[in-house]
Amino acid sequence: MNTSDPASTTACAPGPAGGALHAWPAPGCAWVGLGANLGDAQATLRRAVQALAALPVTRLVALSSLYRS
């Protein structure tokens, strides 16, 4: 993966099939879980996602629905 060119990065994908413990995603990939419990939680999460997506050499690949627990 060429991290100097954001357009050349590929989506994070799991390693080989079979669920081997050593099957890690591509270098530089991250799954981030966010939560909020004060004020307008939905707006807080929306701003957090925007801030993460705005980081240099960062690309938002997927976003789940919001869940209240």
C-alpha atoms as a PDB file:
ATOM      1  CA  MET A   1       0.000   0.000   0.000  1.00  0.00           C
ATOM      2  CA  ASN A   2       1.365   3.394  -0.981  1.00  0.00           C
ATOM      3  CA  THR A   3       0.439   5.695   1.893  1.00  0.00           C
ATOM      4  CA  SER A   4       1.906   8.750   0.163  1.00  0.00           C
ATOM      5  CA  ASP A   5      -0.912   8.608  -2.392  1.00  0.00           C
ATOM      6  CA  PRO A   6      -4.352   8.376  -0.723  1.00  0.00           C
ATOM      7  CA  ALA A   7      -5.993   7.460  -4.039  1.00  0.00           C
ATOM      8  CA  SER A   8      -3.820   4.345  -4.307  1.00  0.00           C
ATOM      9  CA  THR A   9      -4.988   2.808  -1.030  1.00  0.00           C
ATOM     10  CA  THR A  10      -7.372  -0.107  -1.101  1.00  0.00           C
ATOM     11  CA  ALA A  11     -10.202  -0.923   1.244  1.00  0.00           C
ATOM     12  CA  CYS A  12      -9.301  -2.811   4.385  1.00  0.00           C
ATOM     13  CA  ALA A  13      -9.918  -6.453   3.780  1.00  0.00           C
ATOM     14  CA  PRO A  14      -9.493  -9.467   6.029  1.00  0.00           C
ATOM     15  CA  GLY A  15      -6.663 -11.857   5.390  1.00  0.00           C
ATOM     16  CA  PRO A  16      -6.943 -15.320   3.842  1.00  0.00           C
ATOM     17  CA  ALA A  17     -10.161 -17.291   4.261  1.00  0.00           C
ATOM     18  CA  GLY A  18     -10.355 -19.823   7.039  1.00  0.00           C
ATOM     19  CA  GLY A  19     -10.251 -17.501  10.028  1.00  0.00           C
ATOM     20  CA  ALA A  20      -6.590 -18.099  10.844  1.00  0.00           C
ATOM     21  CA  LEU A  21      -5.459 -16.074  13.855  1.00  0.00           C
ATOM     22  CA  HIS A  22      -2.595 -14.606  11.840  1.00  0.00           C
ATOM     23  CA  ALA A  23      -4.882 -13.296   9.042  1.00  0.00           C
ATOM     24  CA  TRP A  24      -4.633  -9.543   9.678  1.00  0.00           C
ATOM     25  CA  PRO A  25      -5.988  -6.723   7.485  1.00  0.00           C
ATOM     26  CA  ALA A  26      -3.730  -4.604   5.304  1.00  0.00           C
ATOM     27  CA  PRO A  27      -1.247  -2.346   7.154  1.00  0.00           C
ATOM     28  CA  GLY A  28      -2.755   0.961   8.179  1.00  0.00           C
ATOM     29  CA  CYS A  29      -6.341  -0.292   8.387  1.00  0.00           C
ATOM     30  CA  ALA A  30      -8.394   0.397  11.487  1.00  0.00           C
ATOM     31  CA  TRP A  31     -11.893  -0.329  12.720  1.00  0.00           C
ATOM     32  CA  VAL A  32     -13.034   2.414  15.061  1.00  0.00           C
ATOM     33  CA  GLY A  33     -15.972   2.185  17.450  1.00  0.00           C
ATOM     34  CA  LEU A  34     -17.505   5.428  18.662  1.00  0.00           C
ATOM     35  CA  GLY A  35     -20.005   6.158  21.390  1.00  0.00           C
ATOM     36  CA  ALA A  36     -21.667   9.169  22.955  1.00  0.00           C
ATOM     37  CA  ASN A  37     -23.864   9.626  25.999  1.00  0.00           C
ATOM     38  CA  LEU A  38     -24.031  13.378  26.632  1.00  0.00           C
ATOM     39  CA  GLY A  39     -26.049  16.076  24.894  1.00  0.00           C
ATOM     40  CA  ASP A  40     -26.982  15.467  21.265  1.00  0.00           C
ATOM     41  CA  ALA A  41     -25.297  12.071  20.808  1.00  0.00           C
ATOM     42  CA  GLN A  42     -26.163  11.814  17.106  1.00  0.00           C
ATOM     43  CA  ALA A  43     -24.590  15.213  16.314  1.00  0.00           C
ATOM     44  CA  THR A  44     -21.546  14.364  18.428  1.00  0.00           C
ATOM     45  CA  LEU A  45     -21.003  11.110  16.528  1.00  0.00           C
ATOM     46  CA  ARG A  46     -21.525  12.833  13.181  1.00  0.00           C
ATOM     47  CA  ARG A  47     -18.816  15.398  14.042  1.00  0.00           C
ATOM     48  CA  ALA A  48     -16.470  12.634  15.241  1.00  0.00           C
ATOM     49  CA  VAL A  49     -16.857  10.733  11.964  1.00  0.00           C
ATOM     50  CA  GLN A  50     -16.218  13.925   9.977  1.00  0.00           C
ATOM     51  CA  ALA A  51     -13.100  14.648  12.039  1.00  0.00           C
ATOM     52  CA  LEU A  52     -11.737  11.128  11.516  1.00  0.00           C
ATOM     53  CA  ALA A  53     -12.447  11.235   7.774  1.00  0.00           C
ATOM     54  CA  ALA A  54     -10.620  14.585   7.526  1.00  0.00           C
ATOM     55  CA  LEU A  55      -7.348  13.161   8.869  1.00  0.00           C
ATOM     56  CA  PRO A  56      -4.524  13.153   6.288  1.00  0.00           C
ATOM     57  CA  VAL A  57      -4.136   9.935   4.280  1.00  0.00           C
ATOM     58  CA  THR A  58      -7.383   8.646   5.740  1.00  0.00           C
ATOM     59  CA  ARG A  59     -10.360   7.288   3.884  1.00  0.00           C
ATOM     60  CA  LEU A  60     -13.706   6.334   5.351  1.00  0.00           C
ATOM     61  CA  VAL A  61     -14.567   2.962   3.841  1.00  0.00           C
ATOM     62  CA  ALA A  62     -17.788   2.091   5.678  1.00  0.00           C
ATOM     63  CA  LEU A  63     -20.082   3.455   8.323  1.00  0.00           C
ATOM     64  CA  SER A  64     -22.618   1.466  10.322  1.00  0.00           C
ATOM     65  CA  SER A  65     -26.040   2.608  11.392  1.00  0.00           C
ATOM     66  CA  LEU A  66     -26.461   4.322  14.739  1.00  0.00           C
ATOM     67  CA  TYR A  67     -27.657   2.142  17.600  1.00  0.00           C
ATOM     68  CA  ARG A  68     -29.055   3.191  20.960  1.00  0.00           C
ATOM     69  CA  SER A  69     -28.512   0.890  23.910  1.00  0.00           C
END
